[in-house]
Amino acid sequence: MANILGKDKYIMFRGKPLVREGGQFLYGSLDETHTLFLGVHNTEKVGEYDLPGDITVMVRANSDGKIVKATKKHGLYEALDVGAAWLELALKGKLA
């Protein structure tokens, strides 16, 4: 995925890397047991900016790619808020 900050440097959110490529975001490290995937379905024009609209939020196991938990949220803030909490639970083994 694109990296504007240079080699091995990523934008960090709550202590984990957040990487964007087009309409997809990956949050977390592939070295851990789970990562968070965000897929943007549409954008909304606000002034001169295109902001993410509907977003699919998925916590996936890195070992086999299995989706552990998924939902659809509106807006990047809401998607990251819910997704980051789920990811923390999954990394602790408490997400069923």
N, C-alpha and C. Protein backbone atom coordinates (compact mmCIF):
# COMPACT_ATOMS: atom_id res chain seq x y z
N MET A 1 0.83 -1.19 0.00
CA MET A 1 0.00 0.00 0.00
C MET A 1 0.87 1.25 0.00
N ALA A 2 0.28 2.35 -0.41
CA ALA A 2 1.02 3.60 -0.52
C ALA A 2 1.53 4.06 0.84
N ASN A 3 2.74 4.60 0.84
CA ASN A 3 3.35 5.07 2.07
C ASN A 3 3.99 6.43 1.80
N ILE A 4 3.31 7.50 2.21
CA ILE A 4 3.80 8.85 1.93
C ILE A 4 4.85 9.33 2.92
N LEU A 5 5.04 8.62 4.01
CA LEU A 5 5.97 9.06 5.05
C LEU A 5 7.36 8.47 4.92
N GLY A 6 7.56 7.59 3.96
CA GLY A 6 8.87 6.97 3.80
C GLY A 6 8.86 5.52 4.26
N LYS A 7 9.99 4.87 4.07
CA LYS A 7 10.10 3.45 4.37
C LYS A 7 9.85 3.16 5.86
N ASP A 8 8.97 2.20 6.11
CA ASP A 8 8.66 1.72 7.47
C ASP A 8 8.09 2.79 8.39
N LYS A 9 7.50 3.85 7.85
CA LYS A 9 6.85 4.87 8.67
C LYS A 9 5.41 5.00 8.18
N TYR A 10 4.48 4.90 9.11
CA TYR A 10 3.07 4.95 8.77
C TYR A 10 2.35 5.95 9.66
N ILE A 11 1.19 6.38 9.23
CA ILE A 11 0.34 7.19 10.09
C ILE A 11 -0.14 6.29 11.22
N MET A 12 -0.03 6.75 12.44
CA MET A 12 -0.40 5.96 13.60
C MET A 12 -1.72 6.47 14.17
N PHE A 13 -2.59 5.54 14.59
CA PHE A 13 -3.84 5.86 15.23
C PHE A 13 -3.96 4.94 16.43
N ARG A 14 -4.03 5.50 17.61
CA ARG A 14 -4.10 4.74 18.86
C ARG A 14 -2.97 3.70 18.95
N GLY A 15 -1.79 4.09 18.49
CA GLY A 15 -0.61 3.25 18.63
C GLY A 15 -0.44 2.15 17.59
N LYS A 16 -1.30 2.13 16.57
CA LYS A 16 -1.21 1.12 15.52
C LYS A 16 -1.17 1.81 14.16
N PRO A 17 -0.51 1.19 13.17
CA PRO A 17 -0.43 1.81 11.84
C PRO A 17 -1.77 1.78 11.11
N LEU A 18 -2.05 2.87 10.40
CA LEU A 18 -3.26 3.00 9.58
C LEU A 18 -2.80 3.29 8.16
N VAL A 19 -3.06 2.35 7.26
CA VAL A 19 -2.59 2.46 5.88
C VAL A 19 -3.80 2.53 4.95
N ARG A 20 -3.74 3.45 3.98
CA ARG A 20 -4.83 3.63 3.03
C ARG A 20 -4.34 3.39 1.61
N GLU A 21 -5.16 2.70 0.84
CA GLU A 21 -4.92 2.52 -0.59
C GLU A 21 -6.27 2.66 -1.27
N GLY A 22 -6.46 3.79 -1.96
CA GLY A 22 -7.75 4.03 -2.61
C GLY A 22 -8.86 4.11 -1.59
N GLY A 23 -9.86 3.27 -1.76
CA GLY A 23 -11.01 3.25 -0.85
C GLY A 23 -10.92 2.17 0.21
N GLN A 24 -9.70 1.72 0.51
CA GLN A 24 -9.53 0.68 1.51
C GLN A 24 -8.53 1.13 2.56
N PHE A 25 -8.82 0.77 3.81
CA PHE A 25 -7.93 1.07 4.92
C PHE A 25 -7.58 -0.23 5.63
N LEU A 26 -6.34 -0.36 6.08
CA LEU A 26 -5.91 -1.47 6.91
C LEU A 26 -5.37 -0.87 8.20
N TYR A 27 -5.89 -1.32 9.32
CA TYR A 27 -5.49 -0.80 10.62
C TYR A 27 -4.95 -1.94 11.45
N GLY A 28 -3.75 -1.78 11.97
CA GLY A 28 -3.12 -2.80 12.79
C GLY A 28 -1.90 -3.36 12.09
N SER A 29 -1.30 -4.34 12.72
CA SER A 29 -0.07 -4.94 12.21
C SER A 29 -0.33 -6.37 11.75
N LEU A 30 0.25 -6.73 10.62
CA LEU A 30 0.11 -8.11 10.13
C LEU A 30 0.90 -9.09 10.99
N ASP A 31 1.75 -8.59 11.87
CA ASP A 31 2.49 -9.45 12.79
C ASP A 31 1.64 -9.90 13.98
N GLU A 32 0.49 -9.26 14.18
CA GLU A 32 -0.40 -9.63 15.28
C GLU A 32 -1.43 -10.65 14.80
N THR A 33 -2.28 -11.11 15.70
CA THR A 33 -3.24 -12.16 15.36
C THR A 33 -4.40 -11.67 14.49
N HIS A 34 -4.78 -10.39 14.63
CA HIS A 34 -5.91 -9.83 13.89
C HIS A 34 -5.59 -8.45 13.35
N THR A 35 -6.29 -8.05 12.29
CA THR A 35 -6.21 -6.69 11.75
C THR A 35 -7.63 -6.22 11.45
N LEU A 36 -7.75 -4.92 11.25
CA LEU A 36 -9.02 -4.31 10.93
C LEU A 36 -8.99 -3.86 9.47
N PHE A 37 -10.00 -4.21 8.72
CA PHE A 37 -10.13 -3.81 7.32
C PHE A 37 -11.34 -2.90 7.20
N LEU A 38 -11.17 -1.75 6.54
CA LEU A 38 -12.27 -0.82 6.28
C LEU A 38 -12.40 -0.64 4.78
N GLY A 39 -13.57 -0.89 4.25
CA GLY A 39 -13.81 -0.72 2.82
C GLY A 39 -14.85 0.37 2.59
N VAL A 40 -14.45 1.43 1.88
CA VAL A 40 -15.34 2.57 1.62
C VAL A 40 -16.21 2.25 0.40
N HIS A 41 -17.53 2.37 0.57
CA HIS A 41 -18.46 2.08 -0.51
C HIS A 41 -18.78 3.31 -1.35
N ASN A 42 -18.84 4.46 -0.71
CA ASN A 42 -19.16 5.69 -1.44
C ASN A 42 -18.55 6.88 -0.71
N THR A 43 -18.50 8.00 -1.40
CA THR A 43 -18.00 9.24 -0.78
C THR A 43 -19.05 10.33 -0.90
N GLU A 44 -18.92 11.32 -0.03
CA GLU A 44 -19.83 12.47 -0.02
C GLU A 44 -19.01 13.73 -0.19
N LYS A 45 -19.46 14.62 -1.02
CA LYS A 45 -18.77 15.89 -1.26
C LYS A 45 -19.14 16.87 -0.15
N VAL A 46 -18.12 17.34 0.58
CA VAL A 46 -18.30 18.36 1.61
C VAL A 46 -17.32 19.47 1.27
N GLY A 47 -17.85 20.56 0.77
CA GLY A 47 -16.98 21.64 0.30
C GLY A 47 -16.17 21.14 -0.88
N GLU A 48 -14.87 21.20 -0.78
CA GLU A 48 -14.01 20.71 -1.86
C GLU A 48 -13.48 19.30 -1.61
N TYR A 49 -13.91 18.67 -0.51
CA TYR A 49 -13.38 17.37 -0.12
C TYR A 49 -14.39 16.25 -0.37
N ASP A 50 -13.88 15.07 -0.72
CA ASP A 50 -14.68 13.85 -0.81
C ASP A 50 -14.43 13.05 0.46
N LEU A 51 -15.45 12.95 1.31
CA LEU A 51 -15.33 12.23 2.57
C LEU A 51 -15.99 10.87 2.47
N PRO A 52 -15.43 9.84 3.14
CA PRO A 52 -16.04 8.51 3.10
C PRO A 52 -17.46 8.53 3.65
N GLY A 53 -18.34 7.81 2.97
CA GLY A 53 -19.74 7.68 3.41
C GLY A 53 -19.94 6.35 4.12
N ASP A 54 -20.53 5.38 3.42
CA ASP A 54 -20.77 4.06 4.00
C ASP A 54 -19.49 3.23 3.96
N ILE A 55 -19.18 2.60 5.08
CA ILE A 55 -17.93 1.85 5.22
C ILE A 55 -18.22 0.47 5.83
N THR A 56 -17.66 -0.57 5.22
CA THR A 56 -17.72 -1.90 5.80
C THR A 56 -16.55 -2.04 6.77
N VAL A 57 -16.83 -2.50 7.98
CA VAL A 57 -15.84 -2.68 9.04
C VAL A 57 -15.70 -4.18 9.29
N MET A 58 -14.46 -4.72 9.15
CA MET A 58 -14.25 -6.14 9.35
C MET A 58 -13.00 -6.39 10.17
N VAL A 59 -13.13 -7.19 11.23
CA VAL A 59 -11.97 -7.68 11.96
C VAL A 59 -11.66 -9.05 11.37
N ARG A 60 -10.40 -9.21 10.90
CA ARG A 60 -10.01 -10.46 10.25
C ARG A 60 -8.84 -11.11 10.98
N ALA A 61 -8.87 -12.43 11.02
CA ALA A 61 -7.75 -13.19 11.58
C ALA A 61 -6.64 -13.21 10.54
N ASN A 62 -5.42 -12.92 10.94
CA ASN A 62 -4.30 -12.89 10.01
C ASN A 62 -3.85 -14.28 9.59
N SER A 63 -4.12 -15.29 10.40
CA SER A 63 -3.65 -16.64 10.10
C SER A 63 -4.36 -17.25 8.89
N ASP A 64 -5.68 -17.05 8.80
CA ASP A 64 -6.44 -17.67 7.72
C ASP A 64 -7.34 -16.70 6.95
N GLY A 65 -7.37 -15.43 7.33
CA GLY A 65 -8.18 -14.43 6.64
C GLY A 65 -9.66 -14.49 7.00
N LYS A 66 -10.02 -15.31 7.97
CA LYS A 66 -11.42 -15.45 8.38
C LYS A 66 -11.93 -14.15 9.01
N ILE A 67 -13.14 -13.75 8.62
CA ILE A 67 -13.77 -12.56 9.19
C ILE A 67 -14.38 -12.94 10.53
N VAL A 68 -13.90 -12.29 11.59
CA VAL A 68 -14.35 -12.59 12.95
C VAL A 68 -15.60 -11.80 13.30
N LYS A 69 -15.64 -10.54 12.87
CA LYS A 69 -16.80 -9.68 13.16
C LYS A 69 -16.87 -8.62 12.08
N ALA A 70 -18.10 -8.27 11.68
CA ALA A 70 -18.26 -7.27 10.61
C ALA A 70 -19.54 -6.47 10.82
N THR A 71 -19.53 -5.24 10.30
CA THR A 71 -20.70 -4.38 10.32
C THR A 71 -20.53 -3.32 9.25
N LYS A 72 -21.52 -2.48 9.09
CA LYS A 72 -21.45 -1.35 8.16
C LYS A 72 -21.76 -0.09 8.95
N LYS A 73 -20.91 0.93 8.81
CA LYS A 73 -21.07 2.20 9.52
C LYS A 73 -21.04 3.34 8.52
N HIS A 74 -21.49 4.50 8.97
CA HIS A 74 -21.48 5.69 8.13
C HIS A 74 -20.43 6.67 8.66
N GLY A 75 -19.43 6.93 7.86
CA GLY A 75 -18.38 7.88 8.23
C GLY A 75 -17.16 7.18 8.81
N LEU A 76 -16.01 7.76 8.52
CA LEU A 76 -14.74 7.17 8.95
C LEU A 76 -14.58 7.19 10.46
N TYR A 77 -15.03 8.24 11.13
CA TYR A 77 -14.89 8.32 12.58
C TYR A 77 -15.63 7.17 13.26
N GLU A 78 -16.88 6.97 12.89
CA GLU A 78 -17.70 5.92 13.50
C GLU A 78 -17.11 4.54 13.19
N ALA A 79 -16.65 4.34 11.96
CA ALA A 79 -16.08 3.05 11.57
C ALA A 79 -14.80 2.74 12.34
N LEU A 80 -13.91 3.72 12.46
CA LEU A 80 -12.67 3.51 13.20
C LEU A 80 -12.91 3.36 14.70
N ASP A 81 -13.87 4.07 15.23
CA ASP A 81 -14.18 4.00 16.65
C ASP A 81 -14.63 2.58 17.03
N VAL A 82 -15.60 2.06 16.30
CA VAL A 82 -16.10 0.71 16.56
C VAL A 82 -15.04 -0.33 16.21
N GLY A 83 -14.41 -0.18 15.06
CA GLY A 83 -13.42 -1.15 14.61
C GLY A 83 -12.22 -1.25 15.52
N ALA A 84 -11.72 -0.13 16.01
CA ALA A 84 -10.55 -0.14 16.91
C ALA A 84 -10.88 -0.86 18.22
N ALA A 85 -12.10 -0.65 18.73
CA ALA A 85 -12.51 -1.34 19.96
C ALA A 85 -12.61 -2.84 19.72
N TRP A 86 -13.20 -3.25 18.60
CA TRP A 86 -13.29 -4.68 18.27
C TRP A 86 -11.91 -5.29 18.09
N LEU A 87 -11.01 -4.56 17.43
CA LEU A 87 -9.66 -5.09 17.21
C LEU A 87 -8.96 -5.33 18.53
N GLU A 88 -9.07 -4.41 19.47
CA GLU A 88 -8.44 -4.59 20.78
C GLU A 88 -8.99 -5.83 21.48
N LEU A 89 -10.31 -6.03 21.40
CA LEU A 89 -10.91 -7.23 22.00
C LEU A 89 -10.41 -8.50 21.32
N ALA A 90 -10.29 -8.46 20.01
CA ALA A 90 -9.82 -9.64 19.27
C ALA A 90 -8.37 -9.95 19.63
N LEU A 91 -7.56 -8.93 19.77
CA LEU A 91 -6.15 -9.16 20.12
C LEU A 91 -5.98 -9.73 21.52
N LYS A 92 -6.96 -9.45 22.39
CA LYS A 92 -6.95 -10.00 23.76
C LYS A 92 -7.64 -11.35 23.83
N GLY A 93 -8.20 -11.82 22.70
CA GLY A 93 -8.90 -13.10 22.67
C GLY A 93 -10.29 -13.06 23.27
N LYS A 94 -10.88 -11.87 23.34
CA LYS A 94 -12.19 -11.71 23.99
C LYS A 94 -13.33 -11.42 23.01
N LEU A 95 -13.06 -11.47 21.71
CA LEU A 95 -14.08 -11.19 20.71
C LEU A 95 -14.63 -12.50 20.19
N ALA A 96 -15.93 -12.70 20.38
CA ALA A 96 -16.54 -13.96 19.92
C ALA A 96 -17.34 -13.76 18.67
